C-alpha atoms as a PDB file:
ATOM      1  CA  MET A   1     -17.071 -22.372  -2.912  1.00  0.00           C
ATOM      2  CA  SER A   2     -20.021 -19.998  -2.620  1.00  0.00           C
ATOM      3  CA  ASP A   3     -21.056 -17.994  -5.438  1.00  0.00           C
ATOM      4  CA  HIS A   4     -19.498 -14.961  -3.781  1.00  0.00           C
ATOM      5  CA  GLU A   5     -16.012 -16.836  -3.348  1.00  0.00           C
ATOM      6  CA  LYS A   6     -16.449 -17.689  -6.783  1.00  0.00           C
ATOM      7  CA  ILE A   7     -16.775 -14.019  -8.276  1.00  0.00           C
ATOM      8  CA  LEU A   8     -13.981 -13.046  -6.188  1.00  0.00           C
ATOM      9  CA  ASN A   9     -11.658 -15.722  -7.641  1.00  0.00           C
ATOM     10  CA  GLN A  10     -12.807 -15.079 -11.129  1.00  0.00           C
ATOM     11  CA  ILE A  11     -11.587 -11.454 -10.675  1.00  0.00           C
ATOM     12  CA  LYS A  12      -8.094 -12.773  -9.504  1.00  0.00           C
ATOM     13  CA  GLU A  13      -7.901 -15.495 -12.138  1.00  0.00           C
ATOM     14  CA  SER A  14      -8.775 -12.747 -14.897  1.00  0.00           C
ATOM     15  CA  PHE A  15      -6.249 -10.197 -13.326  1.00  0.00           C
ATOM     16  CA  LEU A  16      -3.170 -13.048 -13.389  1.00  0.00           C
ATOM     17  CA  SER A  17      -3.988 -13.414 -17.281  1.00  0.00           C
ATOM     18  CA  PHE A  18      -3.658  -9.681 -17.704  1.00  0.00           C
ATOM     19  CA  ASP A  19      -7.068  -9.312 -19.405  1.00  0.00           C
ATOM     20  CA  PHE A  20      -7.689  -5.550 -18.910  1.00  0.00           C
ATOM     21  CA  ASP A  21     -11.350  -5.202 -20.190  1.00  0.00           C
ATOM     22  CA  GLY A  22     -12.627  -8.616 -19.131  1.00  0.00           C
ATOM     23  CA  THR A  23     -11.015  -7.964 -15.325  1.00  0.00           C
ATOM     24  CA  LYS A  24     -12.699  -4.513 -15.276  1.00  0.00           C
ATOM     25  CA  GLU A  25     -15.931  -5.870 -16.465  1.00  0.00           C
ATOM     26  CA  LEU A  26     -15.757  -8.495 -13.880  1.00  0.00           C
ATOM     27  CA  VAL A  27     -15.125  -5.760 -11.199  1.00  0.00           C
ATOM     28  CA  ARG A  28     -17.856  -3.639 -12.157  1.00  0.00           C
ATOM     29  CA  LYS A  29     -20.266  -6.410 -12.198  1.00  0.00           C
ATOM     30  CA  ALA A  30     -19.167  -7.508  -8.667  1.00  0.00           C
ATOM     31  CA  LEU A  31     -19.572  -4.011  -7.491  1.00  0.00           C
ATOM     32  CA  GLU A  32     -22.920  -3.135  -9.086  1.00  0.00           C
ATOM     33  CA  GLU A  33     -24.732  -6.284  -9.624  1.00  0.00           C
ATOM     34  CA  ASP A  34     -23.473  -8.499  -6.682  1.00  0.00           C
ATOM     35  CA  LYS A  35     -22.855  -5.788  -4.222  1.00  0.00           C
ATOM     36  CA  ILE A  36     -19.684  -6.972  -3.186  1.00  0.00           C
ATOM     37  CA  ASP A  37     -17.745  -4.747  -0.824  1.00  0.00           C
ATOM     38  CA  PRO A  38     -15.109  -2.809  -2.601  1.00  0.00           C
ATOM     39  CA  ILE A  39     -12.716  -3.371   0.143  1.00  0.00           C
ATOM     40  CA  GLU A  40     -13.430  -7.190  -0.099  1.00  0.00           C
ATOM     41  CA  ILE A  41     -12.353  -6.960  -3.752  1.00  0.00           C
ATOM     42  CA  ILE A  42      -9.213  -5.254  -2.818  1.00  0.00           C
ATOM     43  CA  GLU A  43      -8.393  -7.667   0.036  1.00  0.00           C
ATOM     44  CA  LYS A  44      -9.533 -11.005  -1.557  1.00  0.00           C
ATOM     45  CA  SER A  45      -8.948 -10.665  -5.265  1.00  0.00           C
ATOM     46  CA  LEU A  46      -6.423  -7.729  -6.190  1.00  0.00           C
ATOM     47  CA  ARG A  47      -4.194  -7.880  -3.303  1.00  0.00           C
ATOM     48  CA  PRO A  48      -3.513 -11.709  -3.729  1.00  0.00           C
ATOM     49  CA  ALA A  49      -3.258 -11.477  -7.187  1.00  0.00           C
ATOM     50  CA  MET A  50      -0.713  -8.782  -6.994  1.00  0.00           C
ATOM     51  CA  GLU A  51       1.354 -11.011  -4.432  1.00  0.00           C
ATOM     52  CA  ILE A  52       1.217 -13.780  -7.106  1.00  0.00           C
ATOM     53  CA  VAL A  53       2.746 -11.408  -9.574  1.00  0.00           C
ATOM     54  CA  GLY A  54       5.486 -10.329  -6.964  1.00  0.00           C
ATOM     55  CA  ASP A  55       6.360 -13.876  -5.919  1.00  0.00           C
ATOM     56  CA  LYS A  56       6.632 -14.749  -9.619  1.00  0.00           C
ATOM     57  CA  PHE A  57       8.717 -11.884 -10.401  1.00  0.00           C
ATOM     58  CA  GLU A  58      11.076 -12.840  -7.350  1.00  0.00           C
ATOM     59  CA  LYS A  59      11.317 -16.393  -8.769  1.00  0.00           C
ATOM     60  CA  GLY A  60      12.302 -15.173 -11.993  1.00  0.00           C
ATOM     61  CA  GLU A  61       9.047 -16.457 -13.656  1.00  0.00           C
ATOM     62  CA  PHE A  62       7.771 -13.165 -14.611  1.00  0.00           C
ATOM     63  CA  PHE A  63       9.643 -10.097 -16.121  1.00  0.00           C
ATOM     64  CA  LEU A  64       9.657  -6.528 -15.184  1.00  0.00           C
ATOM     65  CA  SER A  65       7.127  -6.044 -18.071  1.00  0.00           C
ATOM     66  CA  GLU A  66       4.361  -8.137 -16.433  1.00  0.00           C
ATOM     67  CA  LEU A  67       5.252  -6.395 -13.200  1.00  0.00           C
ATOM     68  CA  VAL A  68       4.685  -3.049 -14.865  1.00  0.00           C
ATOM     69  CA  VAL A  69       1.295  -4.401 -16.640  1.00  0.00           C
ATOM     70  CA  ALA A  70      -0.078  -5.576 -13.457  1.00  0.00           C
ATOM     71  CA  GLY A  71       0.583  -2.509 -11.728  1.00  0.00           C
ATOM     72  CA  ASP A  72      -1.122  -0.581 -14.714  1.00  0.00           C
ATOM     73  CA  LEU A  73      -4.054  -2.738 -14.405  1.00  0.00           C
ATOM     74  CA  PHE A  74      -4.530  -2.470 -10.603  1.00  0.00           C
ATOM     75  CA  LYS A  75      -4.064   1.292 -10.777  1.00  0.00           C
ATOM     76  CA  GLU A  76      -7.037   1.294 -13.518  1.00  0.00           C
ATOM     77  CA  ILE A  77      -9.337  -0.802 -11.653  1.00  0.00           C
ATOM     78  CA  MET A  78      -8.504   1.377  -8.462  1.00  0.00           C
ATOM     79  CA  ASP A  79      -9.013   4.581 -10.153  1.00  0.00           C
ATOM     80  CA  GLU A  80     -12.166   3.958 -12.476  1.00  0.00           C
ATOM     81  CA  LEU A  81     -14.076   1.523 -10.269  1.00  0.00           C
ATOM     82  CA  ILE A  82     -12.971   1.009  -6.615  1.00  0.00           C
ATOM     83  CA  LYS A  83     -11.957   4.657  -5.449  1.00  0.00           C
ATOM     84  CA  PRO A  84     -15.531   6.090  -6.716  1.00  0.00           C
ATOM     85  CA  LYS A  85     -17.431   3.409  -4.604  1.00  0.00           C
ATOM     86  CA  LEU A  86     -15.253   4.213  -1.416  1.00  0.00           C
ATOM     87  CA  LYS A  87     -16.928   6.682   0.789  1.00  0.00           C
ATOM     88  CA  LYS A  88     -14.440   9.168   2.084  1.00  0.00           C
ATOM     89  CA  ALA A  89     -14.384  10.531   5.445  1.00  0.00           C
ATOM     90  CA  GLU A  90     -15.497  14.166   5.645  1.00  0.00           C
ATOM     91  CA  LYS A  91     -12.814  15.301   8.257  1.00  0.00           C
ATOM     92  CA  GLU A  92      -9.168  15.564   7.738  1.00  0.00           C
ATOM     93  CA  LEU A  93      -7.469  13.298  10.207  1.00  0.00           C
ATOM     94  CA  GLY A  94      -3.819  14.276   9.631  1.00  0.00           C
ATOM     95  CA  THR A  95      -1.101  14.130   6.834  1.00  0.00           C
ATOM     96  CA  ILE A  96       0.911  11.059   5.893  1.00  0.00           C
ATOM     97  CA  VAL A  97       3.918  10.811   3.750  1.00  0.00           C
ATOM     98  CA  ILE A  98       4.472   7.371   2.273  1.00  0.00           C
ATOM     99  CA  GLY A  99       6.811   5.714  -0.155  1.00  0.00           C
ATOM    100  CA  THR A 100       8.596   2.424  -0.981  1.00  0.00           C
ATOM    101  CA  VAL A 101      12.336   2.551  -0.084  1.00  0.00           C
ATOM    102  CA  ARG A 102      15.383   2.884  -2.046  1.00  0.00           C
ATOM    103  CA  GLY A 103      16.066  -0.237  -4.073  1.00  0.00           C
ATOM    104  CA  ASP A 104      12.621  -1.502  -4.173  1.00  0.00           C
ATOM    105  CA  LEU A 105      10.315  -0.920  -7.140  1.00  0.00           C
ATOM    106  CA  HIS A 106       7.070  -2.475  -5.656  1.00  0.00           C
ATOM    107  CA  ASP A 107       4.210  -0.019  -5.447  1.00  0.00           C
ATOM    108  CA  ILE A 108       1.304  -2.350  -4.788  1.00  0.00           C
ATOM    109  CA  GLY A 109       0.943  -2.654  -1.246  1.00  0.00           C
ATOM    110  CA  LYS A 110       1.742   0.903  -0.615  1.00  0.00           C
ATOM    111  CA  ASN A 111      -0.887   1.960  -3.357  1.00  0.00           C
ATOM    112  CA  ILE A 112      -3.528   0.125  -1.220  1.00  0.00           C
ATOM    113  CA  VAL A 113      -2.575   1.433   1.891  1.00  0.00           C
ATOM    114  CA  ALA A 114      -2.434   4.967   0.581  1.00  0.00           C
ATOM    115  CA  THR A 115      -5.931   4.565  -0.961  1.00  0.00           C
ATOM    116  CA  MET A 116      -7.340   3.296   2.312  1.00  0.00           C
ATOM    117  CA  LEU A 117      -5.659   6.280   4.100  1.00  0.00           C
ATOM    118  CA  GLU A 118      -7.165   8.516   1.925  1.00  0.00           C
ATOM    119  CA  VAL A 119     -10.659   7.144   2.371  1.00  0.00           C
ATOM    120  CA  ALA A 120     -10.285   7.280   6.003  1.00  0.00           C
ATOM    121  CA  GLY A 121      -9.564  11.024   5.888  1.00  0.00           C
ATOM    122  CA  PHE A 122      -5.801  11.253   5.866  1.00  0.00           C
ATOM    123  CA  LYS A 123      -4.032  13.479   3.662  1.00  0.00           C
ATOM    124  CA  VAL A 124      -1.632  11.387   1.833  1.00  0.00           C
ATOM    125  CA  ILE A 125       1.747  12.508   0.248  1.00  0.00           C
ATOM    126  CA  ASP A 126       2.895   9.720  -2.093  1.00  0.00           C
ATOM    127  CA  LEU A 127       6.469   9.758  -2.752  1.00  0.00           C
ATOM    128  CA  GLY A 128       6.593   6.765  -4.897  1.00  0.00           C
ATOM    129  CA  VAL A 129       8.951   4.092  -5.189  1.00  0.00           C
ATOM    130  CA  ASP A 130      12.765   3.766  -4.754  1.00  0.00           C
ATOM    131  CA  VAL A 131      12.705   6.588  -2.349  1.00  0.00           C
ATOM    132  CA  SER A 132      15.901   7.482  -0.795  1.00  0.00           C
ATOM    133  CA  PRO A 133      16.376   8.365   3.005  1.00  0.00           C
ATOM    134  CA  GLU A 134      17.173  11.882   1.932  1.00  0.00           C
ATOM    135  CA  ALA A 135      14.168  12.419  -0.090  1.00  0.00           C
ATOM    136  CA  PHE A 136      12.082  11.169   3.071  1.00  0.00           C
ATOM    137  CA  VAL A 137      13.964  13.767   5.256  1.00  0.00           C
ATOM    138  CA  GLU A 138      13.159  16.477   2.278  1.00  0.00           C
ATOM    139  CA  ALA A 139       9.407  15.505   2.156  1.00  0.00           C
ATOM    140  CA  VAL A 140       9.017  15.752   6.291  1.00  0.00           C
ATOM    141  CA  LYS A 141      10.621  19.059   6.408  1.00  0.00           C
ATOM    142  CA  LYS A 142       8.562  20.250   3.320  1.00  0.00           C
ATOM    143  CA  TYR A 143       5.255  18.925   4.280  1.00  0.00           C
ATOM    144  CA  ASN A 144       5.537  18.672   8.197  1.00  0.00           C
ATOM    145  CA  PRO A 145       3.309  15.300   8.114  1.00  0.00           C
ATOM    146  CA  ASP A 146       2.160  13.664  11.264  1.00  0.00           C
ATOM    147  CA  ILE A 147       3.269  10.116   9.948  1.00  0.00           C
ATOM    148  CA  VAL A 148       6.026   8.709   7.552  1.00  0.00           C
ATOM    149  CA  GLY A 149       4.899   5.385   6.333  1.00  0.00           C
ATOM    150  CA  MET A 150       7.649   3.065   4.713  1.00  0.00           C
ATOM    151  CA  SER A 151       7.059  -0.044   2.606  1.00  0.00           C
ATOM    152  CA  ALA A 152       9.404  -2.792   1.499  1.00  0.00           C
ATOM    153  CA  LEU A 153       8.504  -6.001  -0.216  1.00  0.00           C
ATOM    154  CA  LEU A 154      12.051  -7.362  -0.508  1.00  0.00           C
ATOM    155  CA  THR A 155      14.325  -8.608   2.463  1.00  0.00           C
ATOM    156  CA  THR A 156      17.315  -7.103   0.814  1.00  0.00           C
ATOM    157  CA  THR A 157      15.543  -3.381   0.793  1.00  0.00           C
ATOM    158  CA  MET A 158      14.232  -3.688   4.427  1.00  0.00           C
ATOM    159  CA  ILE A 159      17.527  -2.378   5.732  1.00  0.00           C
ATOM    160  CA  GLU A 160      16.565   1.111   4.065  1.00  0.00           C
ATOM    161  CA  MET A 161      13.940   1.652   6.586  1.00  0.00           C
ATOM    162  CA  GLU A 162      16.575   1.812   9.456  1.00  0.00           C
ATOM    163  CA  ASN A 163      18.605   4.071   7.312  1.00  0.00           C
ATOM    164  CA  VAL A 164      15.417   6.536   6.626  1.00  0.00           C
ATOM    165  CA  ILE A 165      14.903   6.272  10.335  1.00  0.00           C
ATOM    166  CA  LYS A 166      18.639   7.329  11.203  1.00  0.00           C
ATOM    167  CA  GLU A 167      18.743  10.203   8.558  1.00  0.00           C
ATOM    168  CA  LEU A 168      15.500  11.393  10.263  1.00  0.00           C
ATOM    169  CA  GLU A 169      17.187  11.607  13.570  1.00  0.00           C
ATOM    170  CA  LYS A 170      20.508  13.121  11.960  1.00  0.00           C
ATOM    171  CA  ALA A 171      18.092  15.797  10.514  1.00  0.00           C
ATOM    172  CA  GLY A 172      16.519  16.369  13.938  1.00  0.00           C
ATOM    173  CA  VAL A 173      13.173  15.614  12.584  1.00  0.00           C
ATOM    174  CA  ARG A 174      12.532  12.075  14.125  1.00  0.00           C
ATOM    175  CA  ASP A 175      10.618  13.245  17.045  1.00  0.00           C
ATOM    176  CA  LYS A 176       8.145  15.246  14.883  1.00  0.00           C
ATOM    177  CA  VAL A 177       6.863  12.294  13.341  1.00  0.00           C
ATOM    178  CA  LYS A 178       5.620   8.805  13.972  1.00  0.00           C
ATOM    179  CA  VAL A 179       6.802   6.239  11.749  1.00  0.00           C
ATOM    180  CA  ILE A 180       4.811   3.123  10.629  1.00  0.00           C
ATOM    181  CA  VAL A 181       6.604   0.207   8.234  1.00  0.00           C
ATOM    182  CA  GLY A 182       5.081  -2.481   6.387  1.00  0.00           C
ATOM    183  CA  GLY A 183       5.479  -4.788   3.365  1.00  0.00           C
ATOM    184  CA  ALA A 184       5.731  -8.434   2.760  1.00  0.00           C
ATOM    185  CA  ALA A 185       9.004  -8.759   4.308  1.00  0.00           C
ATOM    186  CA  VAL A 186       8.497  -6.910   7.407  1.00  0.00           C
ATOM    187  CA  THR A 187       7.745  -8.013  10.824  1.00  0.00           C
ATOM    188  CA  ASP A 188       6.613  -6.360  14.033  1.00  0.00           C
ATOM    189  CA  GLU A 189      10.048  -7.696  15.747  1.00  0.00           C
ATOM    190  CA  PHE A 190      11.837  -5.772  12.707  1.00  0.00           C
ATOM    191  CA  ALA A 191       9.787  -2.534  13.215  1.00  0.00           C
ATOM    192  CA  LYS A 192      10.998  -2.647  16.840  1.00  0.00           C
ATOM    193  CA  LYS A 193      14.403  -3.523  16.163  1.00  0.00           C
ATOM    194  CA  ILE A 194      14.898  -0.318  13.742  1.00  0.00           C
ATOM    195  CA  GLY A 195      12.973   1.830  16.137  1.00  0.00           C
ATOM    196  CA  ALA A 196       9.815   2.208  14.073  1.00  0.00           C
ATOM    197  CA  ASP A 197       6.689   3.330  16.192  1.00  0.00           C
ATOM    198  CA  ALA A 198       4.446   0.665  14.515  1.00  0.00           C
ATOM    199  CA  TYR A 199       4.189  -2.080  11.958  1.00  0.00           C
ATOM    200  CA  GLY A 200       1.000  -2.606   9.581  1.00  0.00           C
ATOM    201  CA  LYS A 201       0.118  -6.204   8.497  1.00  0.00           C
ATOM    202  CA  ASP A 202      -2.178  -5.057   5.941  1.00  0.00           C
ATOM    203  CA  ALA A 203      -3.798  -1.968   4.423  1.00  0.00           C
ATOM    204  CA  VAL A 204      -6.981  -2.166   6.718  1.00  0.00           C
ATOM    205  CA  GLU A 205      -4.716  -2.509  10.023  1.00  0.00           C
ATOM    206  CA  ALA A 206      -2.675   0.486   8.642  1.00  0.00           C
ATOM    207  CA  VAL A 207      -5.123   2.798   8.718  1.00  0.00           C
ATOM    208  CA  GLU A 208      -6.522   1.627  12.434  1.00  0.00           C
ATOM    209  CA  ILE A 209      -2.700   1.999  13.608  1.00  0.00           C
ATOM    210  CA  CYS A 210      -2.200   5.447  11.846  1.00  0.00           C
ATOM    211  CA  LYS A 211      -5.488   6.589  13.767  1.00  0.00           C
ATOM    212  CA  LYS A 212      -4.310   5.081  16.914  1.00  0.00           C
ATOM    213  CA  LEU A 213      -0.399   6.810  16.589  1.00  0.00           C
ATOM    214  CA  LEU A 214      -2.411  10.255  16.529  1.00  0.00           C
ATOM    215  CA  GLY A 215      -4.689   9.283  19.312  1.00  0.00           C
ATOM    216  CA  LEU A 216      -7.771   9.354  17.090  1.00  0.00           C
ATOM    217  CA  ASN A 217      -9.389   6.047  18.143  1.00  0.00           C
END
């Protein structure tokens, strides 16, 4: 394991012990002294750590309190250390309404995607977690976005994505937006089956796909 990999691994392990100060210090050092790319810290330390937390929660090894603490730590690291280092695009590319579907309280993947989209130059309207199909429809009517992004971590909540698309159709606004879906449980095949326009495997891919959906790349 190279020194570079060791640093990224240390951040991940510290995060999993929920050591707020220690993890932040490791991230700060990685960014400032070791000059590690902030995107790499997200993709190789923070996201894998959050996925482990999510898995343990699903298996009943972690409780909701741990999930919440991990989410808070992730948010603080992103807001205080990572976001200031990401260079924001000058030009606004379009508007995206994003949210985790009804019945699903996982927001980590969604938050990473939202951050990366903002940095790329998109205006992001984040509806949060446990978002009903009706709330997605309301947001489309209110903000007139170019894209609707939906996230689901659980196989049990994936069906809600289809419900959102049906509600958008019922409200007569489906053809006004492009729909991208993602999350641990979601696949390209599932996205096609429910009538979404695209599937994003991870945050970096999601940004590229959103640009493509709007004919920007």
